[in-house]
Structures are given as structure tokens and as C-alpha cells.
C-alpha atoms as a PDB file:
ATOM      1  CA  UNK A   1     -14.707  11.597   8.445  1.00  0.00           C
ATOM      2  CA  UNK A   2     -13.058   8.751   6.254  1.00  0.00           C
ATOM      3  CA  UNK A   3     -15.882   9.718   4.103  1.00  0.00           C
ATOM      4  CA  UNK A   4     -15.040  12.941   4.414  1.00  0.00           C
ATOM      5  CA  UNK A   5     -11.049  12.737   4.004  1.00  0.00           C
ATOM      6  CA  UNK A   6     -12.157  11.338   0.482  1.00  0.00           C
ATOM      7  CA  UNK A   7     -13.872  14.225  -0.432  1.00  0.00           C
ATOM      8  CA  UNK A   8     -11.714  16.120  -0.265  1.00  0.00           C
ATOM      9  CA  UNK A   9      -8.831  14.050  -1.895  1.00  0.00           C
ATOM     10  CA  UNK A  10     -11.965  13.435  -4.447  1.00  0.00           C
ATOM     11  CA  UNK A  11     -11.284  17.509  -4.833  1.00  0.00           C
ATOM     12  CA  UNK A  12      -8.435  17.925  -4.964  1.00  0.00           C
ATOM     13  CA  UNK A  13      -7.743  15.002  -7.446  1.00  0.00           C
ATOM     14  CA  UNK A  14     -10.800  16.857  -9.903  1.00  0.00           C
ATOM     15  CA  UNK A  15      -8.051  19.535  -9.854  1.00  0.00           C
ATOM     16  CA  UNK A  16      -5.028  17.866 -10.612  1.00  0.00           C
ATOM     17  CA  UNK A  17      -5.245  14.334 -11.208  1.00  0.00           C
ATOM     18  CA  UNK A  18      -1.927  14.197 -11.417  1.00  0.00           C
ATOM     19  CA  UNK A  19      -1.505  14.960  -7.833  1.00  0.00           C
ATOM     20  CA  UNK A  20       0.394  11.677  -6.617  1.00  0.00           C
ATOM     21  CA  UNK A  21       0.172  12.664  -2.611  1.00  0.00           C
ATOM     22  CA  UNK A  22      -3.977  12.811  -3.213  1.00  0.00           C
ATOM     23  CA  UNK A  23      -3.561   9.401  -4.846  1.00  0.00           C
ATOM     24  CA  UNK A  24      -1.702   8.103  -2.022  1.00  0.00           C
ATOM     25  CA  UNK A  25      -4.195   9.940   0.893  1.00  0.00           C
ATOM     26  CA  UNK A  26      -7.126   8.672  -0.894  1.00  0.00           C
ATOM     27  CA  UNK A  27      -6.090   5.169  -1.089  1.00  0.00           C
ATOM     28  CA  UNK A  28      -4.970   4.768   2.489  1.00  0.00           C
ATOM     29  CA  UNK A  29      -8.323   6.266   3.546  1.00  0.00           C
ATOM     30  CA  UNK A  30     -10.210   3.417   1.499  1.00  0.00           C
ATOM     31  CA  UNK A  31      -8.023   1.177   3.170  1.00  0.00           C
ATOM     32  CA  UNK A  32      -8.905   2.401   6.421  1.00  0.00           C
ATOM     33  CA  UNK A  33     -12.616   2.618   5.725  1.00  0.00           C
ATOM     34  CA  UNK A  34     -11.846  -1.423   4.389  1.00  0.00           C
ATOM     35  CA  UNK A  35     -12.292  -0.296   0.473  1.00  0.00           C
ATOM     36  CA  UNK A  36      -9.431  -2.649  -0.351  1.00  0.00           C
ATOM     37  CA  UNK A  37     -10.023  -3.097  -3.831  1.00  0.00           C
ATOM     38  CA  UNK A  38     -10.238   1.098  -4.461  1.00  0.00           C
ATOM     39  CA  UNK A  39      -7.636   2.192  -2.185  1.00  0.00           C
ATOM     40  CA  UNK A  40      -5.320  -0.764  -4.282  1.00  0.00           C
ATOM     41  CA  UNK A  41      -6.521   1.821  -7.039  1.00  0.00           C
ATOM     42  CA  UNK A  42      -5.707   4.082  -6.199  1.00  0.00           C
ATOM     43  CA  UNK A  43      -2.180   3.468  -3.885  1.00  0.00           C
ATOM     44  CA  UNK A  44      -0.961   2.091  -7.421  1.00  0.00           C
ATOM     45  CA  UNK A  45      -1.954   5.106  -9.249  1.00  0.00           C
ATOM     46  CA  UNK A  46       0.071   7.091  -6.165  1.00  0.00           C
ATOM     47  CA  UNK A  47       3.308   4.532  -7.772  1.00  0.00           C
ATOM     48  CA  UNK A  48       2.823   4.806 -10.766  1.00  0.00           C
ATOM     49  CA  UNK A  49       3.328   9.132 -11.283  1.00  0.00           C
ATOM     50  CA  UNK A  50       5.877   8.962  -8.373  1.00  0.00           C
ATOM     51  CA  UNK A  51       7.357   5.882  -8.676  1.00  0.00           C
ATOM     52  CA  UNK A  52      10.805   7.177  -6.244  1.00  0.00           C
ATOM     53  CA  UNK A  53       8.277   8.367  -3.928  1.00  0.00           C
ATOM     54  CA  UNK A  54       9.221   5.130  -1.559  1.00  0.00           C
ATOM     55  CA  UNK A  55       5.628   6.028   0.719  1.00  0.00           C
ATOM     56  CA  UNK A  56       3.461   5.154  -1.919  1.00  0.00           C
ATOM     57  CA  UNK A  57       4.871   1.705  -2.173  1.00  0.00           C
ATOM     58  CA  UNK A  58       4.915   0.770   1.335  1.00  0.00           C
ATOM     59  CA  UNK A  59       1.356   0.898   1.741  1.00  0.00           C
ATOM     60  CA  UNK A  60       1.353  -0.735  -1.861  1.00  0.00           C
ATOM     61  CA  UNK A  61       2.269  -3.893  -0.154  1.00  0.00           C
ATOM     62  CA  UNK A  62      -0.071  -2.379   3.354  1.00  0.00           C
ATOM     63  CA  UNK A  63      -3.021  -3.573   1.439  1.00  0.00           C
ATOM     64  CA  UNK A  64      -1.406  -6.494  -0.915  1.00  0.00           C
ATOM     65  CA  UNK A  65      -0.834  -7.609   2.145  1.00  0.00           C
ATOM     66  CA  UNK A  66      -4.288  -7.229   3.657  1.00  0.00           C
ATOM     67  CA  UNK A  67      -5.546  -8.982   1.081  1.00  0.00           C
ATOM     68  CA  UNK A  68      -3.529 -12.186   1.315  1.00  0.00           C
ATOM     69  CA  UNK A  69      -1.129 -10.999  -1.166  1.00  0.00           C
ATOM     70  CA  UNK A  70       2.202 -11.825   0.408  1.00  0.00           C
ATOM     71  CA  UNK A  71       4.282 -12.491  -2.354  1.00  0.00           C
ATOM     72  CA  UNK A  72       3.260  -9.165  -4.448  1.00  0.00           C
ATOM     73  CA  UNK A  73       3.138  -7.215  -0.751  1.00  0.00           C
ATOM     74  CA  UNK A  74       7.276  -8.049  -0.413  1.00  0.00           C
ATOM     75  CA  UNK A  75       8.149  -6.799  -3.829  1.00  0.00           C
ATOM     76  CA  UNK A  76       6.453  -3.162  -2.569  1.00  0.00           C
ATOM     77  CA  UNK A  77       7.810  -3.246   0.860  1.00  0.00           C
ATOM     78  CA  UNK A  78      11.688  -4.315  -1.348  1.00  0.00           C
ATOM     79  CA  UNK A  79      10.993  -1.083  -3.454  1.00  0.00           C
ATOM     80  CA  UNK A  80      10.412   0.583  -1.039  1.00  0.00           C
ATOM     81  CA  UNK A  81      13.364  -0.668   1.099  1.00  0.00           C
ATOM     82  CA  UNK A  82      15.334   0.040  -1.883  1.00  0.00           C
ATOM     83  CA  UNK A  83      14.226   3.672  -2.496  1.00  0.00           C
ATOM     84  CA  UNK A  84      15.215   4.727   1.034  1.00  0.00           C
ATOM     85  CA  UNK A  85      17.320   1.485   2.645  1.00  0.00           C
ATOM     86  CA  UNK A  86      16.368   2.921   5.965  1.00  0.00           C
ATOM     87  CA  UNK A  87      12.123   3.132   5.979  1.00  0.00           C
ATOM     88  CA  UNK A  88      11.219   1.931   8.662  1.00  0.00           C
ATOM     89  CA  UNK A  89       7.499   0.848   8.092  1.00  0.00           C
ATOM     90  CA  UNK A  90       8.640  -0.858   5.271  1.00  0.00           C
ATOM     91  CA  UNK A  91      10.727  -2.295   6.400  1.00  0.00           C
ATOM     92  CA  UNK A  92       8.887  -3.804   9.699  1.00  0.00           C
ATOM     93  CA  UNK A  93       6.051  -4.137   7.269  1.00  0.00           C
ATOM     94  CA  UNK A  94       7.982  -6.431   4.825  1.00  0.00           C
ATOM     95  CA  UNK A  95       8.827  -8.781   8.823  1.00  0.00           C
ATOM     96  CA  UNK A  96       5.726  -8.955   9.635  1.00  0.00           C
ATOM     97  CA  UNK A  97       4.626 -10.885   5.734  1.00  0.00           C
ATOM     98  CA  UNK A  98       7.034 -13.284   5.929  1.00  0.00           C
ATOM     99  CA  UNK A  99       6.268 -14.281   9.833  1.00  0.00           C
ATOM    100  CA  UNK A 100       3.092 -14.159   7.951  1.00  0.00           C
ATOM    101  CA  UNK A 101       3.909 -16.321   5.070  1.00  0.00           C
ATOM    102  CA  UNK A 102       5.767 -18.622   7.528  1.00  0.00           C
ATOM    103  CA  UNK A 103       2.696 -18.849  10.070  1.00  0.00           C
ATOM    104  CA  UNK A 104       0.300 -19.837   6.862  1.00  0.00           C
ATOM    105  CA  UNK A 105       3.289 -22.639   5.742  1.00  0.00           C
ATOM    106  CA  UNK A 106       3.795 -24.349   8.758  1.00  0.00           C
ATOM    107  CA  UNK A 107       0.017 -24.832   9.006  1.00  0.00           C
ATOM    108  CA  UNK A 108       0.461 -26.523   5.870  1.00  0.00           C
ATOM    109  CA  UNK A 109      -2.412 -24.695   3.324  1.00  0.00           C
ATOM    110  CA  UNK A 110       0.040 -23.515   1.055  1.00  0.00           C
ATOM    111  CA  UNK A 111      -0.639 -20.122  -0.122  1.00  0.00           C
ATOM    112  CA  UNK A 112       3.019 -18.507   0.473  1.00  0.00           C
END
């Protein structure tokens, strides 16, 4: 059903390429499908079109975390929390990312 959702978002974007929610939705559908690179492009467009939307920043952070880009992910979660300090999803994602970074440091890989 991801392909159907993506096709629907593409139709909306064909009518209105500046619909940040459609970019956000398409980005999350692509992420669910496993296309993290495509997802990130869409989510970055959503954040660019609506920079005051904490959900878009949070979702961008989720994909960056999945890609192992922890510092960039933290920046996105922090942006979401700056816009909405009570955003539980962004706070949870931020905490989980910090835990991931801590595990990497403890393992001595130095990726964080």
C-alpha cells in the first residue's frame, strides 16, 4: 500500500508542488518502504516549505537517525523542540538518538 500512498501524494504534488504536508506524507511513505534517500529529499522539501512545522523537522530527524547521521538528526529534533517544546515524539526521538550515540561511543567505533 506504500506505492498507492506515494502515487496519491504525487497526484497532490502535481496539483500543488508547494503542499508541505504532501511532501511530508510522501517522505514518510518512502521511509516506510525503505527508501531513506528519497524520503529525506521529500522531508527536506517539507521543512523548507513550512519551516515552522515541528512535525516535518522531527520526521527529517527520524530518517537521518535511520541513516546513522546522529548529529544531524539531533539538530532536527532540537529544531522541532524549539518550535514545540512539548513535542513528545521529538523528545523521545532525541533521547533515543543520544542513547544510540552513547552506545557507539561505548563500543569504541567513534562514529558519534
